[in-house]
Amino acid sequence: MIENFEKYWFIVLVLAFKINVLGFFFYTESLETAYLMEFAAEDKIAKLESKQHLYEGMLNGVLILDGAAVLFLIYYGIRKSMK
């Protein structure tokens, strides 16, 4: 697997960038939903809360993927330095 990473590092970098852009989108939508919940009527609050939970879950997923990528890069760097 490590040898394949050396071949396809640019593709991995582009995918990581796209995942982070998607995370930024979810973050901004989550902030907008939180702002709208302050001024919404009672009947729309439940719908906005479910939307807020969805965006927060997606944002947490992106943060977990970022953390996994950082841990992999640390592992990769240590493995390369030991060779």
PDB file of N, CA and C in Angstrom:
ATOM      1  N   MET A   1       0.816  -1.191   0.000  1.00  0.00           N
ATOM      2  CA  MET A   1       0.000   0.000   0.000  1.00  0.00           C
ATOM      3  C   MET A   1       0.861   1.255   0.000  1.00  0.00           C
ATOM      4  N   ILE A   2       1.947   1.225   0.730  1.00  0.00           N
ATOM      5  CA  ILE A   2       2.816   2.398   0.809  1.00  0.00           C
ATOM      6  C   ILE A   2       3.426   2.701  -0.560  1.00  0.00           C
ATOM      7  N   GLU A   3       3.764   1.683  -1.318  1.00  0.00           N
ATOM      8  CA  GLU A   3       4.361   1.901  -2.633  1.00  0.00           C
ATOM      9  C   GLU A   3       3.353   2.576  -3.570  1.00  0.00           C
ATOM     10  N   ASN A   4       2.089   2.206  -3.461  1.00  0.00           N
ATOM     11  CA  ASN A   4       1.056   2.834  -4.283  1.00  0.00           C
ATOM     12  C   ASN A   4       0.853   4.294  -3.910  1.00  0.00           C
ATOM     13  N   PHE A   5       1.082   4.626  -2.651  1.00  0.00           N
ATOM     14  CA  PHE A   5       0.943   6.010  -2.221  1.00  0.00           C
ATOM     15  C   PHE A   5       1.969   6.892  -2.918  1.00  0.00           C
ATOM     16  N   GLU A   6       3.166   6.366  -3.135  1.00  0.00           N
ATOM     17  CA  GLU A   6       4.191   7.145  -3.824  1.00  0.00           C
ATOM     18  C   GLU A   6       3.777   7.440  -5.264  1.00  0.00           C
ATOM     19  N   LYS A   7       3.040   6.540  -5.891  1.00  0.00           N
ATOM     20  CA  LYS A   7       2.585   6.762  -7.262  1.00  0.00           C
ATOM     21  C   LYS A   7       1.445   7.762  -7.336  1.00  0.00           C
ATOM     22  N   TYR A   8       0.522   7.666  -6.409  1.00  0.00           N
ATOM     23  CA  TYR A   8      -0.725   8.403  -6.503  1.00  0.00           C
ATOM     24  C   TYR A   8      -0.867   9.497  -5.452  1.00  0.00           C
ATOM     25  N   TRP A   9       0.215  10.083  -4.979  1.00  0.00           N
ATOM     26  CA  TRP A   9       0.134  11.082  -3.922  1.00  0.00           C
ATOM     27  C   TRP A   9      -0.636  12.316  -4.370  1.00  0.00           C
ATOM     28  N   PHE A  10      -0.534  12.678  -5.649  1.00  0.00           N
ATOM     29  CA  PHE A  10      -1.237  13.865  -6.131  1.00  0.00           C
ATOM     30  C   PHE A  10      -2.751  13.652  -6.115  1.00  0.00           C
ATOM     31  N   ILE A  11      -3.192  12.474  -6.493  1.00  0.00           N
ATOM     32  CA  ILE A  11      -4.628  12.170  -6.469  1.00  0.00           C
ATOM     33  C   ILE A  11      -5.143  12.202  -5.032  1.00  0.00           C
ATOM     34  N   VAL A  12      -4.364  11.677  -4.103  1.00  0.00           N
ATOM     35  CA  VAL A  12      -4.748  11.706  -2.695  1.00  0.00           C
ATOM     36  C   VAL A  12      -4.827  13.147  -2.205  1.00  0.00           C
ATOM     37  N   LEU A  13      -3.895  13.983  -2.625  1.00  0.00           N
ATOM     38  CA  LEU A  13      -3.897  15.388  -2.235  1.00  0.00           C
ATOM     39  C   LEU A  13      -5.133  16.115  -2.771  1.00  0.00           C
ATOM     40  N   VAL A  14      -5.493  15.869  -4.018  1.00  0.00           N
ATOM     41  CA  VAL A  14      -6.674  16.499  -4.607  1.00  0.00           C
ATOM     42  C   VAL A  14      -7.941  16.026  -3.895  1.00  0.00           C
ATOM     43  N   LEU A  15      -8.030  14.741  -3.591  1.00  0.00           N
ATOM     44  CA  LEU A  15      -9.206  14.230  -2.872  1.00  0.00           C
ATOM     45  C   LEU A  15      -9.305  14.832  -1.471  1.00  0.00           C
ATOM     46  N   ALA A  16      -8.174  14.981  -0.793  1.00  0.00           N
ATOM     47  CA  ALA A  16      -8.188  15.591   0.533  1.00  0.00           C
ATOM     48  C   ALA A  16      -8.647  17.045   0.448  1.00  0.00           C
ATOM     49  N   PHE A  17      -8.210  17.747  -0.600  1.00  0.00           N
ATOM     50  CA  PHE A  17      -8.644  19.131  -0.781  1.00  0.00           C
ATOM     51  C   PHE A  17     -10.152  19.198  -1.018  1.00  0.00           C
ATOM     52  N   LYS A  18     -10.668  18.303  -1.841  1.00  0.00           N
ATOM     53  CA  LYS A  18     -12.108  18.301  -2.113  1.00  0.00           C
ATOM     54  C   LYS A  18     -12.912  17.962  -0.862  1.00  0.00           C
ATOM     55  N   ILE A  19     -12.410  17.057  -0.056  1.00  0.00           N
ATOM     56  CA  ILE A  19     -13.098  16.702   1.186  1.00  0.00           C
ATOM     57  C   ILE A  19     -13.129  17.907   2.119  1.00  0.00           C
ATOM     58  N   ASN A  20     -12.033  18.670   2.182  1.00  0.00           N
ATOM     59  CA  ASN A  20     -12.004  19.844   3.048  1.00  0.00           C
ATOM     60  C   ASN A  20     -12.917  20.952   2.536  1.00  0.00           C
ATOM     61  N   VAL A  21     -13.028  21.112   1.231  1.00  0.00           N
ATOM     62  CA  VAL A  21     -13.974  22.087   0.681  1.00  0.00           C
ATOM     63  C   VAL A  21     -15.399  21.685   1.035  1.00  0.00           C
ATOM     64  N   LEU A  22     -15.689  20.404   0.930  1.00  0.00           N
ATOM     65  CA  LEU A  22     -17.001  19.904   1.316  1.00  0.00           C
ATOM     66  C   LEU A  22     -17.266  20.146   2.804  1.00  0.00           C
ATOM     67  N   GLY A  23     -16.254  19.966   3.629  1.00  0.00           N
ATOM     68  CA  GLY A  23     -16.387  20.245   5.061  1.00  0.00           C
ATOM     69  C   GLY A  23     -16.657  21.711   5.332  1.00  0.00           C
ATOM     70  N   PHE A  24     -16.018  22.595   4.566  1.00  0.00           N
ATOM     71  CA  PHE A  24     -16.271  24.025   4.721  1.00  0.00           C
ATOM     72  C   PHE A  24     -17.709  24.353   4.341  1.00  0.00           C
ATOM     73  N   PHE A  25     -18.210  23.706   3.283  1.00  0.00           N
ATOM     74  CA  PHE A  25     -19.608  23.904   2.885  1.00  0.00           C
ATOM     75  C   PHE A  25     -20.543  23.482   4.007  1.00  0.00           C
ATOM     76  N   PHE A  26     -20.310  22.319   4.598  1.00  0.00           N
ATOM     77  CA  PHE A  26     -21.171  21.854   5.684  1.00  0.00           C
ATOM     78  C   PHE A  26     -21.090  22.789   6.887  1.00  0.00           C
ATOM     79  N   TYR A  27     -19.908  23.337   7.152  1.00  0.00           N
ATOM     80  CA  TYR A  27     -19.739  24.263   8.278  1.00  0.00           C
ATOM     81  C   TYR A  27     -20.542  25.540   8.048  1.00  0.00           C
ATOM     82  N   THR A  28     -20.459  26.110   6.844  1.00  0.00           N
ATOM     83  CA  THR A  28     -21.202  27.337   6.577  1.00  0.00           C
ATOM     84  C   THR A  28     -22.714  27.091   6.591  1.00  0.00           C
ATOM     85  N   GLU A  29     -23.146  25.955   6.058  1.00  0.00           N
ATOM     86  CA  GLU A  29     -24.579  25.639   6.090  1.00  0.00           C
ATOM     87  C   GLU A  29     -25.058  25.425   7.526  1.00  0.00           C
ATOM     88  N   SER A  30     -24.216  24.838   8.358  1.00  0.00           N
ATOM     89  CA  SER A  30     -24.571  24.630   9.753  1.00  0.00           C
ATOM     90  C   SER A  30     -24.720  25.970  10.476  1.00  0.00           C
ATOM     91  N   LEU A  31     -23.815  26.904  10.203  1.00  0.00           N
ATOM     92  CA  LEU A  31     -23.919  28.232  10.815  1.00  0.00           C
ATOM     93  C   LEU A  31     -25.171  28.963  10.348  1.00  0.00           C
ATOM     94  N   GLU A  32     -25.474  28.854   9.062  1.00  0.00           N
ATOM     95  CA  GLU A  32     -26.668  29.503   8.523  1.00  0.00           C
ATOM     96  C   GLU A  32     -27.935  28.915   9.144  1.00  0.00           C
ATOM     97  N   THR A  33     -27.957  27.608   9.304  1.00  0.00           N
ATOM     98  CA  THR A  33     -29.121  26.963   9.904  1.00  0.00           C
ATOM     99  C   THR A  33     -29.281  27.384  11.362  1.00  0.00           C
ATOM    100  N   ALA A  34     -28.178  27.494  12.085  1.00  0.00           N
ATOM    101  CA  ALA A  34     -28.247  27.927  13.482  1.00  0.00           C
ATOM    102  C   ALA A  34     -28.770  29.356  13.574  1.00  0.00           C
ATOM    103  N   TYR A  35     -28.347  30.204  12.644  1.00  0.00           N
ATOM    104  CA  TYR A  35     -28.829  31.581  12.631  1.00  0.00           C
ATOM    105  C   TYR A  35     -30.324  31.634  12.320  1.00  0.00           C
ATOM    106  N   LEU A  36     -30.762  30.834  11.361  1.00  0.00           N
ATOM    107  CA  LEU A  36     -32.181  30.829  10.996  1.00  0.00           C
ATOM    108  C   LEU A  36     -33.065  30.291  12.115  1.00  0.00           C
ATOM    109  N   MET A  37     -32.521  29.388  12.933  1.00  0.00           N
ATOM    110  CA  MET A  37     -33.306  28.824  14.031  1.00  0.00           C
ATOM    111  C   MET A  37     -33.664  29.885  15.064  1.00  0.00           C
ATOM    112  N   GLU A  38     -32.865  30.937  15.168  1.00  0.00           N
ATOM    113  CA  GLU A  38     -33.162  31.985  16.145  1.00  0.00           C
ATOM    114  C   GLU A  38     -34.427  32.753  15.781  1.00  0.00           C
ATOM    115  N   PHE A  39     -34.678  32.890  14.486  1.00  0.00           N
ATOM    116  CA  PHE A  39     -35.786  33.730  14.056  1.00  0.00           C
ATOM    117  C   PHE A  39     -36.937  32.947  13.421  1.00  0.00           C
ATOM    118  N   ALA A  40     -36.865  31.641  13.447  1.00  0.00           N
ATOM    119  CA  ALA A  40     -37.890  30.823  12.786  1.00  0.00           C
ATOM    120  C   ALA A  40     -39.115  30.659  13.680  1.00  0.00           C
ATOM    121  N   ALA A  41     -40.212  30.363  13.040  1.00  0.00           N
ATOM    122  CA  ALA A  41     -41.442  30.074  13.781  1.00  0.00           C
ATOM    123  C   ALA A  41     -41.344  28.664  14.369  1.00  0.00           C
ATOM    124  N   GLU A  42     -42.232  28.370  15.281  1.00  0.00           N
ATOM    125  CA  GLU A  42     -42.189  27.088  15.997  1.00  0.00           C
ATOM    126  C   GLU A  42     -42.313  25.886  15.070  1.00  0.00           C
ATOM    127  N   ASP A  43     -43.082  25.990  14.009  1.00  0.00           N
ATOM    128  CA  ASP A  43     -43.295  24.837  13.138  1.00  0.00           C
ATOM    129  C   ASP A  43     -42.077  24.529  12.266  1.00  0.00           C
ATOM    130  N   LYS A  44     -41.232  25.482  12.055  1.00  0.00           N
ATOM    131  CA  LYS A  44     -40.048  25.240  11.217  1.00  0.00           C
ATOM    132  C   LYS A  44     -38.812  24.854  12.028  1.00  0.00           C
ATOM    133  N   ILE A  45     -38.872  25.004  13.325  1.00  0.00           N
ATOM    134  CA  ILE A  45     -37.705  24.729  14.159  1.00  0.00           C
ATOM    135  C   ILE A  45     -37.314  23.256  14.093  1.00  0.00           C
ATOM    136  N   ALA A  46     -38.260  22.341  14.102  1.00  0.00           N
ATOM    137  CA  ALA A  46     -37.941  20.908  14.047  1.00  0.00           C
ATOM    138  C   ALA A  46     -37.241  20.557  12.745  1.00  0.00           C
ATOM    139  N   LYS A  47     -37.712  21.134  11.657  1.00  0.00           N
ATOM    140  CA  LYS A  47     -37.077  20.874  10.358  1.00  0.00           C
ATOM    141  C   LYS A  47     -35.653  21.431  10.328  1.00  0.00           C
ATOM    142  N   LEU A  48     -35.479  22.627  10.868  1.00  0.00           N
ATOM    143  CA  LEU A  48     -34.141  23.224  10.897  1.00  0.00           C
ATOM    144  C   LEU A  48     -33.205  22.467  11.829  1.00  0.00           C
ATOM    145  N   GLU A  49     -33.738  21.941  12.932  1.00  0.00           N
ATOM    146  CA  GLU A  49     -32.898  21.166  13.850  1.00  0.00           C
ATOM    147  C   GLU A  49     -32.412  19.881  13.197  1.00  0.00           C
ATOM    148  N   SER A  50     -33.273  19.217  12.439  1.00  0.00           N
ATOM    149  CA  SER A  50     -32.835  17.998  11.766  1.00  0.00           C
ATOM    150  C   SER A  50     -31.786  18.314  10.697  1.00  0.00           C
ATOM    151  N   LYS A  51     -31.970  19.434  10.016  1.00  0.00           N
ATOM    152  CA  LYS A  51     -30.981  19.867   9.029  1.00  0.00           C
ATOM    153  C   LYS A  51     -29.651  20.191   9.715  1.00  0.00           C
ATOM    154  N   GLN A  52     -29.729  20.842  10.865  1.00  0.00           N
ATOM    155  CA  GLN A  52     -28.525  21.187  11.634  1.00  0.00           C
ATOM    156  C   GLN A  52     -27.774  19.921  12.050  1.00  0.00           C
ATOM    157  N   HIS A  53     -28.481  18.903  12.519  1.00  0.00           N
ATOM    158  CA  HIS A  53     -27.845  17.653  12.932  1.00  0.00           C
ATOM    159  C   HIS A  53     -27.185  16.947  11.748  1.00  0.00           C
ATOM    160  N   LEU A  54     -27.821  16.994  10.594  1.00  0.00           N
ATOM    161  CA  LEU A  54     -27.245  16.387   9.400  1.00  0.00           C
ATOM    162  C   LEU A  54     -25.935  17.067   9.016  1.00  0.00           C
ATOM    163  N   TYR A  55     -25.930  18.399   8.986  1.00  0.00           N
ATOM    164  CA  TYR A  55     -24.720  19.129   8.616  1.00  0.00           C
ATOM    165  C   TYR A  55     -23.609  18.937   9.639  1.00  0.00           C
ATOM    166  N   GLU A  56     -23.965  18.905  10.912  1.00  0.00           N
ATOM    167  CA  GLU A  56     -22.949  18.685  11.940  1.00  0.00           C
ATOM    168  C   GLU A  56     -22.364  17.278  11.845  1.00  0.00           C
ATOM    169  N   GLY A  57     -23.199  16.302  11.530  1.00  0.00           N
ATOM    170  CA  GLY A  57     -22.700  14.935  11.350  1.00  0.00           C
ATOM    171  C   GLY A  57     -21.749  14.830  10.165  1.00  0.00           C
ATOM    172  N   MET A  58     -22.103  15.475   9.070  1.00  0.00           N
ATOM    173  CA  MET A  58     -21.214  15.478   7.901  1.00  0.00           C
ATOM    174  C   MET A  58     -19.906  16.185   8.204  1.00  0.00           C
ATOM    175  N   LEU A  59     -19.978  17.313   8.915  1.00  0.00           N
ATOM    176  CA  LEU A  59     -18.770  18.043   9.285  1.00  0.00           C
ATOM    177  C   LEU A  59     -17.885  17.192  10.185  1.00  0.00           C
ATOM    178  N   ASN A  60     -18.475  16.485  11.127  1.00  0.00           N
ATOM    179  CA  ASN A  60     -17.695  15.597  11.989  1.00  0.00           C
ATOM    180  C   ASN A  60     -17.046  14.480  11.186  1.00  0.00           C
ATOM    181  N   GLY A  61     -17.752  13.957  10.181  1.00  0.00           N
ATOM    182  CA  GLY A  61     -17.166  12.941   9.305  1.00  0.00           C
ATOM    183  C   GLY A  61     -15.951  13.473   8.548  1.00  0.00           C
ATOM    184  N   VAL A  62     -16.047  14.700   8.069  1.00  0.00           N
ATOM    185  CA  VAL A  62     -14.916  15.305   7.365  1.00  0.00           C
ATOM    186  C   VAL A  62     -13.741  15.496   8.314  1.00  0.00           C
ATOM    187  N   LEU A  63     -14.012  15.931   9.534  1.00  0.00           N
ATOM    188  CA  LEU A  63     -12.930  16.107  10.503  1.00  0.00           C
ATOM    189  C   LEU A  63     -12.276  14.770  10.858  1.00  0.00           C
ATOM    190  N   ILE A  64     -13.054  13.717  10.931  1.00  0.00           N
ATOM    191  CA  ILE A  64     -12.495  12.392  11.200  1.00  0.00           C
ATOM    192  C   ILE A  64     -11.610  11.945  10.038  1.00  0.00           C
ATOM    193  N   LEU A  65     -12.057  12.180   8.804  1.00  0.00           N
ATOM    194  CA  LEU A  65     -11.234  11.839   7.640  1.00  0.00           C
ATOM    195  C   LEU A  65      -9.934  12.644   7.614  1.00  0.00           C
ATOM    196  N   ASP A  66     -10.011  13.913   7.985  1.00  0.00           N
ATOM    197  CA  ASP A  66      -8.796  14.724   8.062  1.00  0.00           C
ATOM    198  C   ASP A  66      -7.833  14.186   9.115  1.00  0.00           C
ATOM    199  N   GLY A  67      -8.378  13.805  10.257  1.00  0.00           N
ATOM    200  CA  GLY A  67      -7.536  13.239  11.314  1.00  0.00           C
ATOM    201  C   GLY A  67      -6.896  11.934  10.882  1.00  0.00           C
ATOM    202  N   ALA A  68      -7.655  11.107  10.167  1.00  0.00           N
ATOM    203  CA  ALA A  68      -7.095   9.850   9.669  1.00  0.00           C
ATOM    204  C   ALA A  68      -5.996  10.117   8.647  1.00  0.00           C
ATOM    205  N   ALA A  69      -6.174  11.126   7.809  1.00  0.00           N
ATOM    206  CA  ALA A  69      -5.145  11.469   6.824  1.00  0.00           C
ATOM    207  C   ALA A  69      -3.877  11.958   7.504  1.00  0.00           C
ATOM    208  N   VAL A  70      -4.030  12.762   8.541  1.00  0.00           N
ATOM    209  CA  VAL A  70      -2.853  13.250   9.282  1.00  0.00           C
ATOM    210  C   VAL A  70      -2.133  12.097   9.955  1.00  0.00           C
ATOM    211  N   LEU A  71      -2.872  11.193  10.579  1.00  0.00           N
ATOM    212  CA  LEU A  71      -2.242  10.034  11.226  1.00  0.00           C
ATOM    213  C   LEU A  71      -1.534   9.146  10.209  1.00  0.00           C
ATOM    214  N   PHE A  72      -2.129   8.983   9.021  1.00  0.00           N
ATOM    215  CA  PHE A  72      -1.478   8.192   7.984  1.00  0.00           C
ATOM    216  C   PHE A  72      -0.187   8.857   7.520  1.00  0.00           C
ATOM    217  N   LEU A  73      -0.204  10.174   7.354  1.00  0.00           N
ATOM    218  CA  LEU A  73       1.004  10.869   6.923  1.00  0.00           C
ATOM    219  C   LEU A  73       2.107  10.791   7.975  1.00  0.00           C
ATOM    220  N   ILE A  74       1.732  10.840   9.240  1.00  0.00           N
ATOM    221  CA  ILE A  74       2.722  10.666  10.310  1.00  0.00           C
ATOM    222  C   ILE A  74       3.303   9.255  10.251  1.00  0.00           C
ATOM    223  N   TYR A  75       2.435   8.260  10.104  1.00  0.00           N
ATOM    224  CA  TYR A  75       2.889   6.874   9.974  1.00  0.00           C
ATOM    225  C   TYR A  75       3.804   6.719   8.770  1.00  0.00           C
ATOM    226  N   TYR A  76       3.404   7.299   7.647  1.00  0.00           N
ATOM    227  CA  TYR A  76       4.195   7.205   6.409  1.00  0.00           C
ATOM    228  C   TYR A  76       5.566   7.860   6.590  1.00  0.00           C
ATOM    229  N   GLY A  77       5.592   9.010   7.239  1.00  0.00           N
ATOM    230  CA  GLY A  77       6.866   9.697   7.486  1.00  0.00           C
ATOM    231  C   GLY A  77       7.785   8.901   8.401  1.00  0.00           C
ATOM    232  N   ILE A  78       7.235   8.306   9.441  1.00  0.00           N
ATOM    233  CA  ILE A  78       8.055   7.494  10.350  1.00  0.00           C
ATOM    234  C   ILE A  78       8.573   6.266   9.638  1.00  0.00           C
ATOM    235  N   ARG A  79       7.715   5.642   8.843  1.00  0.00           N
ATOM    236  CA  ARG A  79       8.141   4.434   8.104  1.00  0.00           C
ATOM    237  C   ARG A  79       9.238   4.761   7.098  1.00  0.00           C
ATOM    238  N   LYS A  80       9.110   5.903   6.397  1.00  0.00           N
ATOM    239  CA  LYS A  80      10.130   6.305   5.442  1.00  0.00           C
ATOM    240  C   LYS A  80      11.448   6.655   6.140  1.00  0.00           C
ATOM    241  N   SER A  81      11.372   7.264   7.297  1.00  0.00           N
ATOM    242  CA  SER A  81      12.599   7.642   8.006  1.00  0.00           C
ATOM    243  C   SER A  81      13.322   6.439   8.580  1.00  0.00           C
ATOM    244  N   MET A  82      12.620   5.334   8.809  1.00  0.00           N
ATOM    245  CA  MET A  82      13.251   4.138   9.362  1.00  0.00           C
ATOM    246  C   MET A  82      13.911   3.286   8.290  1.00  0.00           C
ATOM    247  N   LYS A  83      13.626   3.551   7.023  1.00  0.00           N
ATOM    248  CA  LYS A  83      14.234   2.752   5.958  1.00  0.00           C
ATOM    249  C   LYS A  83      15.640   3.188   5.686  1.00  0.00           C
TER     250      LYS A  83
END
